[in-house]
Amino acid sequence: VKEGSPTLPGLPVSANTDVVKLCIAFLVSLNHSVTI
């Protein structure tokens, strides 16, 4: 997602760590969709 906080649906809240959100937000900012 380009706005808001990335979340990993279906997994415990604890899975949505700060580093996971940071890294996904960075890849989204690059529009680096091949990494999906």
PDB file of all heavy atoms in Angstrom:
ATOM      1  N   VAL A   1       0.836  -1.201   0.000  1.00  0.00           N
ATOM      2  CA  VAL A   1       0.000   0.000   0.000  1.00  0.00           C
ATOM      3  C   VAL A   1       0.872   1.253   0.000  1.00  0.00           C
ATOM      4  O   VAL A   1       1.924   1.291   0.638  1.00  0.00           O
ATOM      5  CB  VAL A   1      -0.939   0.015   1.223  1.00  0.00           C
ATOM      6  CG1 VAL A   1      -1.975  -1.084   1.107  1.00  0.00           C
ATOM      7  CG2 VAL A   1      -0.166  -0.135   2.529  1.00  0.00           C
ATOM      8  N   LYS A   2       0.425   2.267  -0.716  1.00  0.00           N
ATOM      9  CA  LYS A   2       1.186   3.516  -0.795  1.00  0.00           C
ATOM     10  C   LYS A   2       0.862   4.465   0.341  1.00  0.00           C
ATOM     11  O   LYS A   2       1.650   5.352   0.660  1.00  0.00           O
ATOM     12  CB  LYS A   2       0.921   4.199  -2.142  1.00  0.00           C
ATOM     13  CG  LYS A   2       1.495   3.436  -3.325  1.00  0.00           C
ATOM     14  CD  LYS A   2       1.389   4.227  -4.616  1.00  0.00           C
ATOM     15  CE  LYS A   2       2.048   3.468  -5.763  1.00  0.00           C
ATOM     16  NZ  LYS A   2       1.995   4.215  -7.036  1.00  0.00           N
ATOM     17  N   GLU A   3      -0.294   4.305   0.939  1.00  0.00           N
ATOM     18  CA  GLU A   3      -0.696   5.147   2.062  1.00  0.00           C
ATOM     19  C   GLU A   3      -0.958   4.262   3.275  1.00  0.00           C
ATOM     20  O   GLU A   3      -1.382   3.119   3.150  1.00  0.00           O
ATOM     21  CB  GLU A   3      -1.967   5.936   1.715  1.00  0.00           C
ATOM     22  CG  GLU A   3      -1.831   6.832   0.475  1.00  0.00           C
ATOM     23  CD  GLU A   3      -0.893   8.002   0.677  1.00  0.00           C
ATOM     24  OE1 GLU A   3      -0.659   8.362   1.857  1.00  0.00           O
ATOM     25  OE2 GLU A   3      -0.396   8.539  -0.319  1.00  0.00           O
ATOM     26  N   GLY A   4      -0.720   4.809   4.461  1.00  0.00           N
ATOM     27  CA  GLY A   4      -0.972   4.055   5.668  1.00  0.00           C
ATOM     28  C   GLY A   4       0.138   3.068   5.981  1.00  0.00           C
ATOM     29  O   GLY A   4       1.231   3.124   5.423  1.00  0.00           O
ATOM     30  N   SER A   5      -0.171   2.137   6.860  1.00  0.00           N
ATOM     31  CA  SER A   5       0.823   1.191   7.355  1.00  0.00           C
ATOM     32  C   SER A   5       0.634  -0.177   6.710  1.00  0.00           C
ATOM     33  O   SER A   5      -0.460  -0.728   6.744  1.00  0.00           O
ATOM     34  CB  SER A   5       0.696   1.064   8.875  1.00  0.00           C
ATOM     35  OG  SER A   5       1.610   0.127   9.384  1.00  0.00           O
ATOM     36  N   PRO A   6       1.681  -0.763   6.125  1.00  0.00           N
ATOM     37  CA  PRO A   6       1.569  -2.109   5.567  1.00  0.00           C
ATOM     38  C   PRO A   6       1.226  -3.122   6.657  1.00  0.00           C
ATOM     39  O   PRO A   6       1.778  -3.058   7.758  1.00  0.00           O
ATOM     40  CB  PRO A   6       2.968  -2.383   5.007  1.00  0.00           C
ATOM     41  CG  PRO A   6       3.632  -1.047   4.886  1.00  0.00           C
ATOM     42  CD  PRO A   6       3.039  -0.207   5.964  1.00  0.00           C
ATOM     43  N   THR A   7       0.319  -4.038   6.369  1.00  0.00           N
ATOM     44  CA  THR A   7      -0.014  -5.096   7.322  1.00  0.00           C
ATOM     45  C   THR A   7      -0.022  -6.432   6.599  1.00  0.00           C
ATOM     46  O   THR A   7      -0.320  -6.501   5.402  1.00  0.00           O
ATOM     47  CB  THR A   7      -1.399  -4.871   7.969  1.00  0.00           C
ATOM     48  OG1 THR A   7      -2.398  -4.794   6.940  1.00  0.00           O
ATOM     49  CG2 THR A   7      -1.417  -3.589   8.783  1.00  0.00           C
ATOM     50  N   LEU A   8       0.291  -7.489   7.333  1.00  0.00           N
ATOM     51  CA  LEU A   8       0.314  -8.836   6.784  1.00  0.00           C
ATOM     52  C   LEU A   8      -0.972  -9.543   7.211  1.00  0.00           C
ATOM     53  O   LEU A   8      -1.062 -10.058   8.327  1.00  0.00           O
ATOM     54  CB  LEU A   8       1.542  -9.588   7.297  1.00  0.00           C
ATOM     55  CG  LEU A   8       2.893  -8.977   6.884  1.00  0.00           C
ATOM     56  CD1 LEU A   8       4.035  -9.653   7.620  1.00  0.00           C
ATOM     57  CD2 LEU A   8       3.092  -9.066   5.369  1.00  0.00           C
ATOM     58  N   PRO A   9      -1.988  -9.539   6.359  1.00  0.00           N
ATOM     59  CA  PRO A   9      -3.297 -10.066   6.745  1.00  0.00           C
ATOM     60  C   PRO A   9      -3.249 -11.564   7.032  1.00  0.00           C
ATOM     61  O   PRO A   9      -2.528 -12.319   6.378  1.00  0.00           O
ATOM     62  CB  PRO A   9      -4.166  -9.772   5.518  1.00  0.00           C
ATOM     63  CG  PRO A   9      -3.197  -9.716   4.378  1.00  0.00           C
ATOM     64  CD  PRO A   9      -1.955  -9.119   4.945  1.00  0.00           C
ATOM     65  N   GLY A  10      -4.021 -11.961   8.033  1.00  0.00           N
ATOM     66  CA  GLY A  10      -4.103 -13.368   8.363  1.00  0.00           C
ATOM     67  C   GLY A  10      -3.038 -13.849   9.318  1.00  0.00           C
ATOM     68  O   GLY A  10      -3.072 -14.991   9.778  1.00  0.00           O
ATOM     69  N   LEU A  11      -2.083 -12.990   9.641  1.00  0.00           N
ATOM     70  CA  LEU A  11      -1.016 -13.345  10.571  1.00  0.00           C
ATOM     71  C   LEU A  11      -1.174 -12.535  11.850  1.00  0.00           C
ATOM     72  O   LEU A  11      -1.812 -11.477  11.855  1.00  0.00           O
ATOM     73  CB  LEU A  11       0.354 -13.067   9.937  1.00  0.00           C
ATOM     74  CG  LEU A  11       0.711 -13.915   8.709  1.00  0.00           C
ATOM     75  CD1 LEU A  11       2.064 -13.504   8.155  1.00  0.00           C
ATOM     76  CD2 LEU A  11       0.709 -15.405   9.048  1.00  0.00           C
ATOM     77  N   PRO A  12      -0.602 -13.003  12.956  1.00  0.00           N
ATOM     78  CA  PRO A  12      -0.701 -12.259  14.214  1.00  0.00           C
ATOM     79  C   PRO A  12      -0.157 -10.842  14.083  1.00  0.00           C
ATOM     80  O   PRO A  12       0.711 -10.568  13.236  1.00  0.00           O
ATOM     81  CB  PRO A  12       0.153 -13.088  15.184  1.00  0.00           C
ATOM     82  CG  PRO A  12       0.243 -14.435  14.572  1.00  0.00           C
ATOM     83  CD  PRO A  12       0.178 -14.243  13.096  1.00  0.00           C
ATOM     84  N   VAL A  13      -0.670  -9.944  14.912  1.00  0.00           N
ATOM     85  CA  VAL A  13      -0.195  -8.549  14.906  1.00  0.00           C
ATOM     86  C   VAL A  13       1.315  -8.489  15.095  1.00  0.00           C
ATOM     87  O   VAL A  13       1.993  -7.628  14.519  1.00  0.00           O
ATOM     88  CB  VAL A  13      -0.915  -7.745  16.014  1.00  0.00           C
ATOM     89  CG1 VAL A  13      -0.322  -6.345  16.123  1.00  0.00           C
ATOM     90  CG2 VAL A  13      -2.405  -7.664  15.735  1.00  0.00           C
ATOM     91  N   SER A  14       1.848  -9.422  15.846  1.00  0.00           N
ATOM     92  CA  SER A  14       3.293  -9.437  16.111  1.00  0.00           C
ATOM     93  C   SER A  14       4.121  -9.645  14.847  1.00  0.00           C
ATOM     94  O   SER A  14       5.319  -9.355  14.837  1.00  0.00           O
ATOM     95  CB  SER A  14       3.629 -10.536  17.129  1.00  0.00           C
ATOM     96  OG  SER A  14       3.215 -11.812  16.645  1.00  0.00           O
ATOM     97  N   ALA A  15       3.481 -10.154  13.774  1.00  0.00           N
ATOM     98  CA  ALA A  15       4.207 -10.345  12.516  1.00  0.00           C
ATOM     99  C   ALA A  15       4.493  -9.026  11.819  1.00  0.00           C
ATOM    100  O   ALA A  15       5.415  -8.919  10.999  1.00  0.00           O
ATOM    101  CB  ALA A  15       3.419 -11.259  11.587  1.00  0.00           C
ATOM    102  N   ASN A  16       3.689  -8.008  12.137  1.00  0.00           N
ATOM    103  CA  ASN A  16       3.843  -6.700  11.492  1.00  0.00           C
ATOM    104  C   ASN A  16       4.887  -5.875  12.227  1.00  0.00           C
ATOM    105  O   ASN A  16       4.594  -4.833  12.814  1.00  0.00           O
ATOM    106  CB  ASN A  16       2.499  -5.973  11.466  1.00  0.00           C
ATOM    107  CG  ASN A  16       1.457  -6.732  10.676  1.00  0.00           C
ATOM    108  OD1 ASN A  16       1.588  -6.900   9.466  1.00  0.00           O
ATOM    109  ND2 ASN A  16       0.427  -7.213  11.353  1.00  0.00           N
ATOM    110  N   THR A  17       6.119  -6.334  12.190  1.00  0.00           N
ATOM    111  CA  THR A  17       7.192  -5.663  12.910  1.00  0.00           C
ATOM    112  C   THR A  17       7.567  -4.358  12.219  1.00  0.00           C
ATOM    113  O   THR A  17       7.237  -4.125  11.048  1.00  0.00           O
ATOM    114  CB  THR A  17       8.436  -6.557  12.992  1.00  0.00           C
ATOM    115  OG1 THR A  17       8.922  -6.814  11.662  1.00  0.00           O
ATOM    116  CG2 THR A  17       8.120  -7.882  13.681  1.00  0.00           C
ATOM    117  N   ASP A  18       8.292  -3.527  12.943  1.00  0.00           N
ATOM    118  CA  ASP A  18       8.719  -2.241  12.384  1.00  0.00           C
ATOM    119  C   ASP A  18       9.566  -2.443  11.136  1.00  0.00           C
ATOM    120  O   ASP A  18       9.392  -1.741  10.134  1.00  0.00           O
ATOM    121  CB  ASP A  18       9.509  -1.455  13.432  1.00  0.00           C
ATOM    122  CG  ASP A  18       9.915  -0.084  12.922  1.00  0.00           C
ATOM    123  OD1 ASP A  18       9.082   0.841  12.990  1.00  0.00           O
ATOM    124  OD2 ASP A  18      11.054   0.065  12.436  1.00  0.00           O
ATOM    125  N   VAL A  19      10.461  -3.420  11.175  1.00  0.00           N
ATOM    126  CA  VAL A  19      11.356  -3.613  10.032  1.00  0.00           C
ATOM    127  C   VAL A  19      10.595  -4.150   8.825  1.00  0.00           C
ATOM    128  O   VAL A  19      10.910  -3.803   7.675  1.00  0.00           O
ATOM    129  CB  VAL A  19      12.542  -4.532  10.396  1.00  0.00           C
ATOM    130  CG1 VAL A  19      12.107  -5.978  10.576  1.00  0.00           C
ATOM    131  CG2 VAL A  19      13.650  -4.439   9.353  1.00  0.00           C
ATOM    132  N   VAL A  20       9.568  -4.969   9.044  1.00  0.00           N
ATOM    133  CA  VAL A  20       8.737  -5.444   7.943  1.00  0.00           C
ATOM    134  C   VAL A  20       8.034  -4.263   7.281  1.00  0.00           C
ATOM    135  O   VAL A  20       8.023  -4.123   6.046  1.00  0.00           O
ATOM    136  CB  VAL A  20       7.705  -6.479   8.447  1.00  0.00           C
ATOM    137  CG1 VAL A  20       6.575  -6.668   7.436  1.00  0.00           C
ATOM    138  CG2 VAL A  20       8.389  -7.817   8.711  1.00  0.00           C
ATOM    139  N   LYS A  21       7.454  -3.388   8.076  1.00  0.00           N
ATOM    140  CA  LYS A  21       6.743  -2.223   7.529  1.00  0.00           C
ATOM    141  C   LYS A  21       7.714  -1.288   6.807  1.00  0.00           C
ATOM    142  O   LYS A  21       7.399  -0.763   5.728  1.00  0.00           O
ATOM    143  CB  LYS A  21       6.003  -1.494   8.643  1.00  0.00           C
ATOM    144  CG  LYS A  21       4.830  -2.286   9.210  1.00  0.00           C
ATOM    145  CD  LYS A  21       4.011  -1.499  10.206  1.00  0.00           C
ATOM    146  CE  LYS A  21       4.711  -1.337  11.533  1.00  0.00           C
ATOM    147  NZ  LYS A  21       3.835  -0.730  12.561  1.00  0.00           N
ATOM    148  N   LEU A  22       8.883  -1.075   7.392  1.00  0.00           N
ATOM    149  CA  LEU A  22       9.896  -0.226   6.753  1.00  0.00           C
ATOM    150  C   LEU A  22      10.290  -0.773   5.386  1.00  0.00           C
ATOM    151  O   LEU A  22      10.302  -0.039   4.386  1.00  0.00           O
ATOM    152  CB  LEU A  22      11.136  -0.133   7.647  1.00  0.00           C
ATOM    153  CG  LEU A  22      12.412   0.402   6.981  1.00  0.00           C
ATOM    154  CD1 LEU A  22      12.263   1.877   6.631  1.00  0.00           C
ATOM    155  CD2 LEU A  22      13.625   0.172   7.864  1.00  0.00           C
ATOM    156  N   CYS A  23      10.631  -2.057   5.334  1.00  0.00           N
ATOM    157  CA  CYS A  23      11.132  -2.640   4.095  1.00  0.00           C
ATOM    158  C   CYS A  23      10.068  -2.672   3.004  1.00  0.00           C
ATOM    159  O   CYS A  23      10.354  -2.368   1.838  1.00  0.00           O
ATOM    160  CB  CYS A  23      11.666  -4.043   4.361  1.00  0.00           C
ATOM    161  SG  CYS A  23      13.179  -4.070   5.353  1.00  0.00           S
ATOM    162  N   ILE A  24       8.834  -3.024   3.380  1.00  0.00           N
ATOM    163  CA  ILE A  24       7.778  -3.034   2.376  1.00  0.00           C
ATOM    164  C   ILE A  24       7.499  -1.611   1.886  1.00  0.00           C
ATOM    165  O   ILE A  24       7.338  -1.372   0.680  1.00  0.00           O
ATOM    166  CB  ILE A  24       6.501  -3.684   2.933  1.00  0.00           C
ATOM    167  CG1 ILE A  24       6.730  -5.181   3.187  1.00  0.00           C
ATOM    168  CG2 ILE A  24       5.338  -3.492   1.947  1.00  0.00           C
ATOM    169  CD1 ILE A  24       5.548  -5.890   3.809  1.00  0.00           C
ATOM    170  N   ALA A  25       7.471  -0.635   2.803  1.00  0.00           N
ATOM    171  CA  ALA A  25       7.232   0.757   2.397  1.00  0.00           C
ATOM    172  C   ALA A  25       8.316   1.238   1.443  1.00  0.00           C
ATOM    173  O   ALA A  25       8.033   1.962   0.476  1.00  0.00           O
ATOM    174  CB  ALA A  25       7.173   1.653   3.633  1.00  0.00           C
ATOM    175  N   PHE A  26       9.550   0.834   1.686  1.00  0.00           N
ATOM    176  CA  PHE A  26      10.650   1.205   0.798  1.00  0.00           C
ATOM    177  C   PHE A  26      10.455   0.595  -0.591  1.00  0.00           C
ATOM    178  O   PHE A  26      10.575   1.289  -1.609  1.00  0.00           O
ATOM    179  CB  PHE A  26      11.980   0.751   1.396  1.00  0.00           C
ATOM    180  CG  PHE A  26      13.146   0.787   0.442  1.00  0.00           C
ATOM    181  CD1 PHE A  26      13.522   1.964  -0.173  1.00  0.00           C
ATOM    182  CD2 PHE A  26      13.860  -0.369   0.163  1.00  0.00           C
ATOM    183  CE1 PHE A  26      14.595   2.008  -1.070  1.00  0.00           C
ATOM    184  CE2 PHE A  26      14.934  -0.344  -0.717  1.00  0.00           C
ATOM    185  CZ  PHE A  26      15.296   0.842  -1.336  1.00  0.00           C
ATOM    186  N   LEU A  27      10.139  -0.693  -0.647  1.00  0.00           N
ATOM    187  CA  LEU A  27       9.951  -1.355  -1.936  1.00  0.00           C
ATOM    188  C   LEU A  27       8.753  -0.772  -2.686  1.00  0.00           C
ATOM    189  O   LEU A  27       8.792  -0.619  -3.913  1.00  0.00           O
ATOM    190  CB  LEU A  27       9.777  -2.861  -1.726  1.00  0.00           C
ATOM    191  CG  LEU A  27      11.012  -3.587  -1.172  1.00  0.00           C
ATOM    192  CD1 LEU A  27      10.659  -5.005  -0.741  1.00  0.00           C
ATOM    193  CD2 LEU A  27      12.149  -3.602  -2.188  1.00  0.00           C
ATOM    194  N   VAL A  28       7.699  -0.422  -1.958  1.00  0.00           N
ATOM    195  CA  VAL A  28       6.543   0.228  -2.587  1.00  0.00           C
ATOM    196  C   VAL A  28       6.940   1.586  -3.162  1.00  0.00           C
ATOM    197  O   VAL A  28       6.523   1.952  -4.268  1.00  0.00           O
ATOM    198  CB  VAL A  28       5.390   0.386  -1.573  1.00  0.00           C
ATOM    199  CG1 VAL A  28       4.287   1.285  -2.146  1.00  0.00           C
ATOM    200  CG2 VAL A  28       4.803  -0.968  -1.211  1.00  0.00           C
ATOM    201  N   SER A  29       7.761   2.337  -2.418  1.00  0.00           N
ATOM    202  CA  SER A  29       8.189   3.660  -2.899  1.00  0.00           C
ATOM    203  C   SER A  29       8.956   3.559  -4.209  1.00  0.00           C
ATOM    204  O   SER A  29       8.950   4.491  -5.014  1.00  0.00           O
ATOM    205  CB  SER A  29       9.038   4.376  -1.841  1.00  0.00           C
ATOM    206  OG  SER A  29      10.359   3.857  -1.781  1.00  0.00           O
ATOM    207  N   LEU A  30       9.607   2.416  -4.429  1.00  0.00           N
ATOM    208  CA  LEU A  30      10.340   2.179  -5.677  1.00  0.00           C
ATOM    209  C   LEU A  30       9.431   1.644  -6.781  1.00  0.00           C
ATOM    210  O   LEU A  30       9.882   1.482  -7.917  1.00  0.00           O
ATOM    211  CB  LEU A  30      11.459   1.160  -5.450  1.00  0.00           C
ATOM    212  CG  LEU A  30      12.638   1.557  -4.576  1.00  0.00           C
ATOM    213  CD1 LEU A  30      13.580   0.376  -4.414  1.00  0.00           C
ATOM    214  CD2 LEU A  30      13.372   2.736  -5.180  1.00  0.00           C
ATOM    215  N   ASN A  31       8.178   1.334  -6.426  1.00  0.00           N
ATOM    216  CA  ASN A  31       7.277   0.643  -7.348  1.00  0.00           C
ATOM    217  C   ASN A  31       7.916  -0.659  -7.831  1.00  0.00           C
ATOM    218  O   ASN A  31       7.800  -1.040  -9.003  1.00  0.00           O
ATOM    219  CB  ASN A  31       6.915   1.529  -8.547  1.00  0.00           C
ATOM    220  CG  ASN A  31       5.696   1.022  -9.286  1.00  0.00           C
ATOM    221  OD1 ASN A  31       4.838   0.361  -8.724  1.00  0.00           O
ATOM    222  ND2 ASN A  31       5.623   1.311 -10.576  1.00  0.00           N
ATOM    223  N   HIS A  32       8.586  -1.338  -6.904  1.00  0.00           N
ATOM    224  CA  HIS A  32       9.410  -2.517  -7.214  1.00  0.00           C
ATOM    225  C   HIS A  32       8.552  -3.773  -7.123  1.00  0.00           C
ATOM    226  O   HIS A  32       8.788  -4.673  -6.311  1.00  0.00           O
ATOM    227  CB  HIS A  32      10.559  -2.555  -6.197  1.00  0.00           C
ATOM    228  CG  HIS A  32      11.767  -3.300  -6.652  1.00  0.00           C
ATOM    229  ND1 HIS A  32      11.972  -3.706  -7.948  1.00  0.00           N
ATOM    230  CD2 HIS A  32      12.847  -3.719  -5.950  1.00  0.00           C
ATOM    231  CE1 HIS A  32      13.127  -4.324  -8.023  1.00  0.00           C
ATOM    232  NE2 HIS A  32      13.672  -4.365  -6.827  1.00  0.00           N
ATOM    233  N   SER A  33       7.538  -3.848  -7.995  1.00  0.00           N
ATOM    234  CA  SER A  33       6.511  -4.878  -7.881  1.00  0.00           C
ATOM    235  C   SER A  33       7.033  -6.283  -8.142  1.00  0.00           C
ATOM    236  O   SER A  33       6.386  -7.263  -7.731  1.00  0.00           O
ATOM    237  CB  SER A  33       5.340  -4.562  -8.807  1.00  0.00           C
ATOM    238  OG  SER A  33       5.779  -4.442 -10.148  1.00  0.00           O
ATOM    239  N   VAL A  34       8.177  -6.414  -8.798  1.00  0.00           N
ATOM    240  CA  VAL A  34       8.721  -7.746  -9.044  1.00  0.00           C
ATOM    241  C   VAL A  34       9.038  -8.465  -7.736  1.00  0.00           C
ATOM    242  O   VAL A  34       9.087  -9.699  -7.693  1.00  0.00           O
ATOM    243  CB  VAL A  34       9.977  -7.660  -9.942  1.00  0.00           C
ATOM    244  CG1 VAL A  34      11.162  -7.104  -9.171  1.00  0.00           C
ATOM    245  CG2 VAL A  34      10.333  -9.027 -10.535  1.00  0.00           C
ATOM    246  N   THR A  35       9.210  -7.704  -6.654  1.00  0.00           N
ATOM    247  CA  THR A  35       9.548  -8.329  -5.366  1.00  0.00           C
ATOM    248  C   THR A  35       8.329  -8.918  -4.665  1.00  0.00           C
ATOM    249  O   THR A  35       8.474  -9.635  -3.669  1.00  0.00           O
ATOM    250  CB  THR A  35      10.225  -7.316  -4.426  1.00  0.00           C
ATOM    251  OG1 THR A  35       9.313  -6.233  -4.158  1.00  0.00           O
ATOM    252  CG2 THR A  35      11.496  -6.763  -5.035  1.00  0.00           C
ATOM    253  N   ILE A  36       7.125  -8.624  -5.164  1.00  0.00           N
ATOM    254  CA  ILE A  36       5.926  -9.175  -4.536  1.00  0.00           C
ATOM    255  C   ILE A  36       5.953 -10.697  -4.583  1.00  0.00           C
ATOM    256  O   ILE A  36       5.649 -11.372  -3.589  1.00  0.00           O
ATOM    257  CB  ILE A  36       4.658  -8.635  -5.216  1.00  0.00           C
ATOM    258  CG1 ILE A  36       4.503  -7.131  -4.957  1.00  0.00           C
ATOM    259  CG2 ILE A  36       3.420  -9.384  -4.726  1.00  0.00           C
ATOM    260  CD1 ILE A  36       3.369  -6.489  -5.734  1.00  0.00           C
TER     261      ILE A  36
END
